Amino acid sequence: MKKILTVLLMVAPMPLLAQNQPAHGLSNSVVVFESKPEARQKLDQQASSGAPDKSELSVQSYVDSQERIAETFRRAIPDQIAESSRDDE
């Protein structure tokens, strides 16, 4: 009985080993990489093109916007959404 069981345990994996294994891995599917999305292509193109000769914003507009942004970070965060964080009440 032990001899038959030993032979079966040795012979049972044979058909599995005889199957053709894919050369690229364990599964039978190949991963196909898609091309970059259009938005990513445009961003990469913009990054590689370098800085523009002239800015679209005037210097004063840029400074004003940066000052407004900085002011929003100086205000305290309200405890409740309905509470205003401005001092003009």
PDB file of N, CA and C in Angstrom:
ATOM      1  N   MET A   1       0.824  -1.201   0.000  1.00  0.00           N
ATOM      2  CA  MET A   1       0.000   0.000   0.000  1.00  0.00           C
ATOM      3  C   MET A   1       0.861   1.255   0.000  1.00  0.00           C
ATOM      4  N   LYS A   2       1.907   1.244   0.824  1.00  0.00           N
ATOM      5  CA  LYS A   2       2.803   2.391   0.887  1.00  0.00           C
ATOM      6  C   LYS A   2       3.518   2.602  -0.440  1.00  0.00           C
ATOM      7  N   LYS A   3       3.858   1.482  -1.080  1.00  0.00           N
ATOM      8  CA  LYS A   3       4.553   1.569  -2.359  1.00  0.00           C
ATOM      9  C   LYS A   3       3.662   2.217  -3.422  1.00  0.00           C
ATOM     10  N   ILE A   4       2.397   1.845  -3.451  1.00  0.00           N
ATOM     11  CA  ILE A   4       1.451   2.398  -4.430  1.00  0.00           C
ATOM     12  C   ILE A   4       1.231   3.882  -4.174  1.00  0.00           C
ATOM     13  N   LEU A   5       1.092   4.241  -2.919  1.00  0.00           N
ATOM     14  CA  LEU A   5       0.896   5.637  -2.562  1.00  0.00           C
ATOM     15  C   LEU A   5       2.124   6.476  -2.933  1.00  0.00           C
ATOM     16  N   THR A   6       3.299   5.968  -2.695  1.00  0.00           N
ATOM     17  CA  THR A   6       4.539   6.665  -3.047  1.00  0.00           C
ATOM     18  C   THR A   6       4.634   6.861  -4.554  1.00  0.00           C
ATOM     19  N   VAL A   7       4.296   5.829  -5.307  1.00  0.00           N
ATOM     20  CA  VAL A   7       4.344   5.921  -6.773  1.00  0.00           C
ATOM     21  C   VAL A   7       3.323   6.944  -7.274  1.00  0.00           C
ATOM     22  N   LEU A   8       2.119   6.928  -6.702  1.00  0.00           N
ATOM     23  CA  LEU A   8       1.096   7.894  -7.115  1.00  0.00           C
ATOM     24  C   LEU A   8       1.517   9.335  -6.816  1.00  0.00           C
ATOM     25  N   LEU A   9       2.122   9.534  -5.657  1.00  0.00           N
ATOM     26  CA  LEU A   9       2.582  10.883  -5.312  1.00  0.00           C
ATOM     27  C   LEU A   9       3.701  11.360  -6.224  1.00  0.00           C
ATOM     28  N   MET A  10       4.478  10.436  -6.741  1.00  0.00           N
ATOM     29  CA  MET A  10       5.559  10.807  -7.655  1.00  0.00           C
ATOM     30  C   MET A  10       5.054  10.994  -9.080  1.00  0.00           C
ATOM     31  N   VAL A  11       4.043  10.228  -9.473  1.00  0.00           N
ATOM     32  CA  VAL A  11       3.542  10.269 -10.844  1.00  0.00           C
ATOM     33  C   VAL A  11       2.492  11.376 -11.039  1.00  0.00           C
ATOM     34  N   ALA A  12       1.746  11.715 -10.008  1.00  0.00           N
ATOM     35  CA  ALA A  12       0.656  12.691 -10.129  1.00  0.00           C
ATOM     36  C   ALA A  12       1.118  14.057 -10.635  1.00  0.00           C
ATOM     37  N   PRO A  13       2.261  14.586 -10.193  1.00  0.00           N
ATOM     38  CA  PRO A  13       2.668  15.911 -10.700  1.00  0.00           C
ATOM     39  C   PRO A  13       3.231  15.901 -12.118  1.00  0.00           C
ATOM     40  N   MET A  14       3.484  14.751 -12.696  1.00  0.00           N
ATOM     41  CA  MET A  14       4.083  14.665 -14.026  1.00  0.00           C
ATOM     42  C   MET A  14       3.288  15.405 -15.107  1.00  0.00           C
ATOM     43  N   PRO A  15       1.964  15.217 -15.199  1.00  0.00           N
ATOM     44  CA  PRO A  15       1.236  15.949 -16.252  1.00  0.00           C
ATOM     45  C   PRO A  15       1.338  17.477 -16.090  1.00  0.00           C
ATOM     46  N   LEU A  16       1.412  17.927 -14.857  1.00  0.00           N
ATOM     47  CA  LEU A  16       1.534  19.362 -14.633  1.00  0.00           C
ATOM     48  C   LEU A  16       2.885  19.883 -15.106  1.00  0.00           C
ATOM     49  N   LEU A  17       3.928  19.099 -14.905  1.00  0.00           N
ATOM     50  CA  LEU A  17       5.259  19.519 -15.335  1.00  0.00           C
ATOM     51  C   LEU A  17       5.406  19.441 -16.853  1.00  0.00           C
ATOM     52  N   ALA A  18       4.611  18.604 -17.494  1.00  0.00           N
ATOM     53  CA  ALA A  18       4.710  18.425 -18.936  1.00  0.00           C
ATOM     54  C   ALA A  18       4.051  19.566 -19.715  1.00  0.00           C
ATOM     55  N   GLN A  19       3.191  20.336 -19.051  1.00  0.00           N
ATOM     56  CA  GLN A  19       2.520  21.441 -19.753  1.00  0.00           C
ATOM     57  C   GLN A  19       3.532  22.516 -20.121  1.00  0.00           C
ATOM     58  N   ASN A  20       3.247  23.191 -21.225  1.00  0.00           N
ATOM     59  CA  ASN A  20       4.123  24.289 -21.646  1.00  0.00           C
ATOM     60  C   ASN A  20       3.926  25.483 -20.731  1.00  0.00           C
ATOM     61  N   GLN A  21       5.000  25.953 -20.147  1.00  0.00           N
ATOM     62  CA  GLN A  21       4.951  27.114 -19.271  1.00  0.00           C
ATOM     63  C   GLN A  21       5.168  28.370 -20.114  1.00  0.00           C
ATOM     64  N   PRO A  22       4.393  29.429 -19.861  1.00  0.00           N
ATOM     65  CA  PRO A  22       4.641  30.676 -20.589  1.00  0.00           C
ATOM     66  C   PRO A  22       6.043  31.207 -20.275  1.00  0.00           C
ATOM     67  N   ALA A  23       6.686  31.772 -21.260  1.00  0.00           N
ATOM     68  CA  ALA A  23       8.057  32.259 -21.083  1.00  0.00           C
ATOM     69  C   ALA A  23       8.111  33.532 -20.245  1.00  0.00           C
ATOM     70  N   HIS A  24       6.992  34.224 -20.086  1.00  0.00           N
ATOM     71  CA  HIS A  24       7.001  35.528 -19.425  1.00  0.00           C
ATOM     72  C   HIS A  24       6.506  35.486 -17.989  1.00  0.00           C
ATOM     73  N   GLY A  25       6.197  34.355 -17.442  1.00  0.00           N
ATOM     74  CA  GLY A  25       5.775  34.325 -16.051  1.00  0.00           C
ATOM     75  C   GLY A  25       4.800  33.214 -15.756  1.00  0.00           C
ATOM     76  N   LEU A  26       4.083  33.364 -14.677  1.00  0.00           N
ATOM     77  CA  LEU A  26       3.194  32.309 -14.217  1.00  0.00           C
ATOM     78  C   LEU A  26       1.844  32.307 -14.914  1.00  0.00           C
ATOM     79  N   SER A  27       1.397  33.456 -15.373  1.00  0.00           N
ATOM     80  CA  SER A  27       0.076  33.516 -15.987  1.00  0.00           C
ATOM     81  C   SER A  27       0.193  33.377 -17.496  1.00  0.00           C
ATOM     82  N   ASN A  28      -0.929  33.239 -18.123  1.00  0.00           N
ATOM     83  CA  ASN A  28      -0.955  33.074 -19.561  1.00  0.00           C
ATOM     84  C   ASN A  28      -1.242  34.394 -20.274  1.00  0.00           C
ATOM     85  N   SER A  29      -1.292  35.491 -19.523  1.00  0.00           N
ATOM     86  CA  SER A  29      -1.577  36.781 -20.145  1.00  0.00           C
ATOM     87  C   SER A  29      -0.332  37.655 -20.132  1.00  0.00           C
ATOM     88  N   VAL A  30      -0.238  38.490 -21.122  1.00  0.00           N
ATOM     89  CA  VAL A  30       0.887  39.408 -21.246  1.00  0.00           C
ATOM     90  C   VAL A  30       0.390  40.807 -20.924  1.00  0.00           C
ATOM     91  N   VAL A  31       1.142  41.523 -20.094  1.00  0.00           N
ATOM     92  CA  VAL A  31       0.767  42.887 -19.743  1.00  0.00           C
ATOM     93  C   VAL A  31       1.176  43.809 -20.877  1.00  0.00           C
ATOM     94  N   VAL A  32       0.219  44.579 -21.364  1.00  0.00           N
ATOM     95  CA  VAL A  32       0.488  45.532 -22.431  1.00  0.00           C
ATOM     96  C   VAL A  32       0.417  46.929 -21.829  1.00  0.00           C
ATOM     97  N   PHE A  33       1.512  47.668 -21.913  1.00  0.00           N
ATOM     98  CA  PHE A  33       1.537  49.015 -21.382  1.00  0.00           C
ATOM     99  C   PHE A  33       0.879  49.956 -22.376  1.00  0.00           C
ATOM    100  N   GLU A  34      -0.057  50.738 -21.865  1.00  0.00           N
ATOM    101  CA  GLU A  34      -0.752  51.696 -22.724  1.00  0.00           C
ATOM    102  C   GLU A  34       0.081  52.956 -22.852  1.00  0.00           C
ATOM    103  N   SER A  35      -0.187  53.714 -23.889  1.00  0.00           N
ATOM    104  CA  SER A  35       0.532  54.964 -24.062  1.00  0.00           C
ATOM    105  C   SER A  35       0.100  55.965 -22.994  1.00  0.00           C
ATOM    106  N   LYS A  36       0.893  57.011 -22.833  1.00  0.00           N
ATOM    107  CA  LYS A  36       0.593  58.027 -21.830  1.00  0.00           C
ATOM    108  C   LYS A  36      -0.703  58.746 -22.191  1.00  0.00           C
ATOM    109  N   PRO A  37      -1.471  59.158 -21.178  1.00  0.00           N
ATOM    110  CA  PRO A  37      -2.667  59.951 -21.455  1.00  0.00           C
ATOM    111  C   PRO A  37      -2.280  61.283 -22.103  1.00  0.00           C
ATOM    112  N   GLU A  38      -3.219  61.850 -22.826  1.00  0.00           N
ATOM    113  CA  GLU A  38      -2.954  63.088 -23.560  1.00  0.00           C
ATOM    114  C   GLU A  38      -2.546  64.217 -22.621  1.00  0.00           C
ATOM    115  N   ALA A  39      -3.196  64.298 -21.462  1.00  0.00           N
ATOM    116  CA  ALA A  39      -2.861  65.350 -20.505  1.00  0.00           C
ATOM    117  C   ALA A  39      -1.416  65.206 -20.036  1.00  0.00           C
ATOM    118  N   ARG A  40      -0.985  63.974 -19.748  1.00  0.00           N
ATOM    119  CA  ARG A  40       0.394  63.741 -19.298  1.00  0.00           C
ATOM    120  C   ARG A  40       1.379  64.101 -20.399  1.00  0.00           C
ATOM    121  N   GLN A  41       1.058  63.795 -21.656  1.00  0.00           N
ATOM    122  CA  GLN A  41       1.932  64.128 -22.776  1.00  0.00           C
ATOM    123  C   GLN A  41       2.108  65.637 -22.888  1.00  0.00           C
ATOM    124  N   LYS A  42       1.002  66.386 -22.746  1.00  0.00           N
ATOM    125  CA  LYS A  42       1.076  67.842 -22.843  1.00  0.00           C
ATOM    126  C   LYS A  42       1.872  68.438 -21.679  1.00  0.00           C
ATOM    127  N   LEU A  43       1.684  67.892 -20.471  1.00  0.00           N
ATOM    128  CA  LEU A  43       2.443  68.382 -19.323  1.00  0.00           C
ATOM    129  C   LEU A  43       3.937  68.094 -19.484  1.00  0.00           C
ATOM    130  N   ASP A  44       4.265  66.922 -19.995  1.00  0.00           N
ATOM    131  CA  ASP A  44       5.670  66.594 -20.237  1.00  0.00           C
ATOM    132  C   ASP A  44       6.272  67.506 -21.291  1.00  0.00           C
ATOM    133  N   GLN A  45       5.493  67.795 -22.333  1.00  0.00           N
ATOM    134  CA  GLN A  45       5.962  68.687 -23.400  1.00  0.00           C
ATOM    135  C   GLN A  45       6.196  70.091 -22.837  1.00  0.00           C
ATOM    136  N   GLN A  46       5.276  70.551 -22.007  1.00  0.00           N
ATOM    137  CA  GLN A  46       5.411  71.875 -21.415  1.00  0.00           C
ATOM    138  C   GLN A  46       6.633  71.937 -20.495  1.00  0.00           C
ATOM    139  N   ALA A  47       6.865  70.883 -19.730  1.00  0.00           N
ATOM    140  CA  ALA A  47       8.010  70.857 -18.814  1.00  0.00           C
ATOM    141  C   ALA A  47       9.332  70.849 -19.564  1.00  0.00           C
ATOM    142  N   SER A  48       9.382  70.168 -20.688  1.00  0.00           N
ATOM    143  CA  SER A  48      10.630  70.082 -21.446  1.00  0.00           C
ATOM    144  C   SER A  48      10.880  71.305 -22.319  1.00  0.00           C
ATOM    145  N   SER A  49       9.856  72.123 -22.566  1.00  0.00           N
ATOM    146  CA  SER A  49      10.032  73.279 -23.453  1.00  0.00           C
ATOM    147  C   SER A  49      10.747  74.443 -22.785  1.00  0.00           C
ATOM    148  N   GLY A  50      10.843  74.449 -21.457  1.00  0.00           N
ATOM    149  CA  GLY A  50      11.561  75.520 -20.767  1.00  0.00           C
ATOM    150  C   GLY A  50      10.645  76.691 -20.436  1.00  0.00           C
ATOM    151  N   ALA A  51      11.226  77.695 -19.827  1.00  0.00           N
ATOM    152  CA  ALA A  51      10.466  78.873 -19.396  1.00  0.00           C
ATOM    153  C   ALA A  51      10.093  79.751 -20.598  1.00  0.00           C
ATOM    154  N   PRO A  52       8.926  80.391 -20.547  1.00  0.00           N
ATOM    155  CA  PRO A  52       8.537  81.278 -21.645  1.00  0.00           C
ATOM    156  C   PRO A  52       9.364  82.565 -21.617  1.00  0.00           C
ATOM    157  N   ASP A  53       9.413  83.250 -22.752  1.00  0.00           N
ATOM    158  CA  ASP A  53      10.164  84.503 -22.836  1.00  0.00           C
ATOM    159  C   ASP A  53       9.506  85.598 -22.006  1.00  0.00           C
ATOM    160  N   LYS A  54       8.183  85.603 -22.017  1.00  0.00           N
ATOM    161  CA  LYS A  54       7.449  86.648 -21.316  1.00  0.00           C
ATOM    162  C   LYS A  54       6.336  86.000 -20.501  1.00  0.00           C
ATOM    163  N   SER A  55       6.093  86.508 -19.313  1.00  0.00           N
ATOM    164  CA  SER A  55       5.068  85.959 -18.449  1.00  0.00           C
ATOM    165  C   SER A  55       3.687  86.389 -18.915  1.00  0.00           C
ATOM    166  N   GLU A  56       2.691  85.545 -18.656  1.00  0.00           N
ATOM    167  CA  GLU A  56       1.321  85.897 -18.996  1.00  0.00           C
ATOM    168  C   GLU A  56       0.723  86.850 -17.979  1.00  0.00           C
ATOM    169  N   LEU A  57       1.244  86.853 -16.746  1.00  0.00           N
ATOM    170  CA  LEU A  57       0.761  87.744 -15.702  1.00  0.00           C
ATOM    171  C   LEU A  57       1.737  88.885 -15.499  1.00  0.00           C
ATOM    172  N   SER A  58       1.193  90.052 -15.178  1.00  0.00           N
ATOM    173  CA  SER A  58       2.086  91.151 -14.831  1.00  0.00           C
ATOM    174  C   SER A  58       2.671  90.876 -13.452  1.00  0.00           C
ATOM    175  N   VAL A  59       3.776  91.500 -13.156  1.00  0.00           N
ATOM    176  CA  VAL A  59       4.435  91.293 -11.870  1.00  0.00           C
ATOM    177  C   VAL A  59       3.512  91.724 -10.736  1.00  0.00           C
ATOM    178  N   GLN A  60       2.806  92.844 -10.909  1.00  0.00           N
ATOM    179  CA  GLN A  60       1.935  93.343  -9.846  1.00  0.00           C
ATOM    180  C   GLN A  60       0.768  92.379  -9.587  1.00  0.00           C
ATOM    181  N   SER A  61       0.207  91.791 -10.624  1.00  0.00           N
ATOM    182  CA  SER A  61      -0.877  90.815 -10.446  1.00  0.00           C
ATOM    183  C   SER A  61      -0.381  89.604  -9.670  1.00  0.00           C
ATOM    184  N   TYR A  62       0.812  89.168  -9.980  1.00  0.00           N
ATOM    185  CA  TYR A  62       1.389  88.013  -9.284  1.00  0.00           C
ATOM    186  C   TYR A  62       1.616  88.338  -7.809  1.00  0.00           C
ATOM    187  N   VAL A  63       2.193  89.503  -7.526  1.00  0.00           N
ATOM    188  CA  VAL A  63       2.455  89.905  -6.140  1.00  0.00           C
ATOM    189  C   VAL A  63       1.148  90.010  -5.363  1.00  0.00           C
ATOM    190  N   ASP A  64       0.123  90.632  -5.972  1.00  0.00           N
ATOM    191  CA  ASP A  64      -1.174  90.769  -5.299  1.00  0.00           C
ATOM    192  C   ASP A  64      -1.780  89.404  -4.985  1.00  0.00           C
ATOM    193  N   SER A  65      -1.719  88.495  -5.923  1.00  0.00           N
ATOM    194  CA  SER A  65      -2.306  87.167  -5.689  1.00  0.00           C
ATOM    195  C   SER A  65      -1.551  86.423  -4.590  1.00  0.00           C
ATOM    196  N   GLN A  66      -0.224  86.563  -4.562  1.00  0.00           N
ATOM    197  CA  GLN A  66       0.547  85.910  -3.510  1.00  0.00           C
ATOM    198  C   GLN A  66       0.244  86.497  -2.142  1.00  0.00           C
ATOM    199  N   GLU A  67       0.020  87.810  -2.084  1.00  0.00           N
ATOM    200  CA  GLU A  67      -0.336  88.446  -0.814  1.00  0.00           C
ATOM    201  C   GLU A  67      -1.703  87.965  -0.326  1.00  0.00           C
ATOM    202  N   ARG A  68      -2.664  87.820  -1.245  1.00  0.00           N
ATOM    203  CA  ARG A  68      -3.986  87.322  -0.868  1.00  0.00           C
ATOM    204  C   ARG A  68      -3.904  85.882  -0.361  1.00  0.00           C
ATOM    205  N   ILE A  69      -3.104  85.082  -1.013  1.00  0.00           N
ATOM    206  CA  ILE A  69      -2.938  83.693  -0.580  1.00  0.00           C
ATOM    207  C   ILE A  69      -2.304  83.647   0.803  1.00  0.00           C
ATOM    208  N   ALA A  70      -1.277  84.455   1.020  1.00  0.00           N
ATOM    209  CA  ALA A  70      -0.611  84.487   2.330  1.00  0.00           C
ATOM    210  C   ALA A  70      -1.583  84.922   3.417  1.00  0.00           C
ATOM    211  N   GLU A  71      -2.470  85.878   3.105  1.00  0.00           N
ATOM    212  CA  GLU A  71      -3.439  86.362   4.086  1.00  0.00           C
ATOM    213  C   GLU A  71      -4.400  85.251   4.505  1.00  0.00           C
ATOM    214  N   THR A  72      -4.777  84.382   3.609  1.00  0.00           N
ATOM    215  CA  THR A  72      -5.696  83.298   3.972  1.00  0.00           C
ATOM    216  C   THR A  72      -5.057  82.337   4.965  1.00  0.00           C
ATOM    217  N   PHE A  73      -3.738  82.184   4.907  1.00  0.00           N
ATOM    218  CA  PHE A  73      -3.062  81.295   5.849  1.00  0.00           C
ATOM    219  C   PHE A  73      -2.840  81.955   7.206  1.00  0.00           C
ATOM    220  N   ARG A  74      -2.926  83.259   7.272  1.00  0.00           N
ATOM    221  CA  ARG A  74      -2.755  83.953   8.551  1.00  0.00           C
ATOM    222  C   ARG A  74      -4.013  83.890   9.406  1.00  0.00           C
ATOM    223  N   ARG A  75      -5.187  83.716   8.784  1.00  0.00           N
ATOM    224  CA  ARG A  75      -6.442  83.659   9.539  1.00  0.00           C
ATOM    225  C   ARG A  75      -6.569  82.333  10.268  1.00  0.00           C
ATOM    226  N   ALA A  76      -7.180  82.385  11.442  1.00  0.00           N
ATOM    227  CA  ALA A  76      -7.392  81.160  12.208  1.00  0.00           C
ATOM    228  C   ALA A  76      -8.461  80.302  11.541  1.00  0.00           C
ATOM    229  N   ILE A  77      -8.344  79.019  11.729  1.00  0.00           N
ATOM    230  CA  ILE A  77      -9.342  78.097  11.192  1.00  0.00           C
ATOM    231  C   ILE A  77     -10.528  78.099  12.157  1.00  0.00           C
ATOM    232  N   PRO A  78     -11.739  78.333  11.664  1.00  0.00           N
ATOM    233  CA  PRO A  78     -12.904  78.384  12.558  1.00  0.00           C
ATOM    234  C   PRO A  78     -13.219  77.000  13.141  1.00  0.00           C
ATOM    235  N   ASP A  79     -13.781  77.008  14.362  1.00  0.00           N
ATOM    236  CA  ASP A  79     -14.165  75.751  15.003  1.00  0.00           C
ATOM    237  C   ASP A  79     -15.347  75.098  14.305  1.00  0.00           C
ATOM    238  N   GLN A  80     -16.239  75.928  13.783  1.00  0.00           N
ATOM    239  CA  GLN A  80     -17.394  75.421  13.048  1.00  0.00           C
ATOM    240  C   GLN A  80     -17.445  76.087  11.694  1.00  0.00           C
ATOM    241  N   ILE A  81     -18.031  75.400  10.749  1.00  0.00           N
ATOM    242  CA  ILE A  81     -18.117  75.922   9.389  1.00  0.00           C
ATOM    243  C   ILE A  81     -18.926  77.219   9.356  1.00  0.00           C
ATOM    244  N   ALA A  82     -19.987  77.317  10.141  1.00  0.00           N
ATOM    245  CA  ALA A  82     -20.829  78.501  10.116  1.00  0.00           C
ATOM    246  C   ALA A  82     -20.128  79.712  10.726  1.00  0.00           C
ATOM    247  N   GLU A  83     -19.124  79.478  11.551  1.00  0.00           N
ATOM    248  CA  GLU A  83     -18.402  80.588  12.188  1.00  0.00           C
ATOM    249  C   GLU A  83     -17.461  81.223  11.162  1.00  0.00           C
ATOM    250  N   SER A  84     -17.455  82.526  11.110  1.00  0.00           N
ATOM    251  CA  SER A  84     -16.610  83.237  10.172  1.00  0.00           C
ATOM    252  C   SER A  84     -15.206  83.392  10.747  1.00  0.00           C
ATOM    253  N   SER A  85     -14.228  83.364   9.889  1.00  0.00           N
ATOM    254  CA  SER A  85     -12.852  83.555  10.351  1.00  0.00           C
ATOM    255  C   SER A  85     -12.376  84.983  10.117  1.00  0.00           C
ATOM    256  N   ARG A  86     -13.234  85.809   9.565  1.00  0.00           N
ATOM    257  CA  ARG A  86     -12.852  87.199   9.309  1.00  0.00           C
ATOM    258  C   ARG A  86     -13.105  88.059  10.561  1.00  0.00           C
ATOM    259  N   ASP A  87     -12.328  89.141  10.650  1.00  0.00           N
ATOM    260  CA  ASP A  87     -12.445  90.039  11.792  1.00  0.00           C
ATOM    261  C   ASP A  87     -13.443  91.180  11.561  1.00  0.00           C
ATOM    262  N   ASP A  88     -14.110  91.211  10.410  1.00  0.00           N
ATOM    263  CA  ASP A  88     -14.958  92.348  10.054  1.00  0.00           C
ATOM    264  C   ASP A  88     -16.385  92.222  10.589  1.00  0.00           C
ATOM    265  N   GLU A  89     -16.644  91.401  11.576  1.00  0.00           N
ATOM    266  CA  GLU A  89     -17.998  91.256  12.127  1.00  0.00           C
ATOM    267  C   GLU A  89     -18.303  92.322  13.123  1.00  0.00           C
TER     268      GLU A  89
END
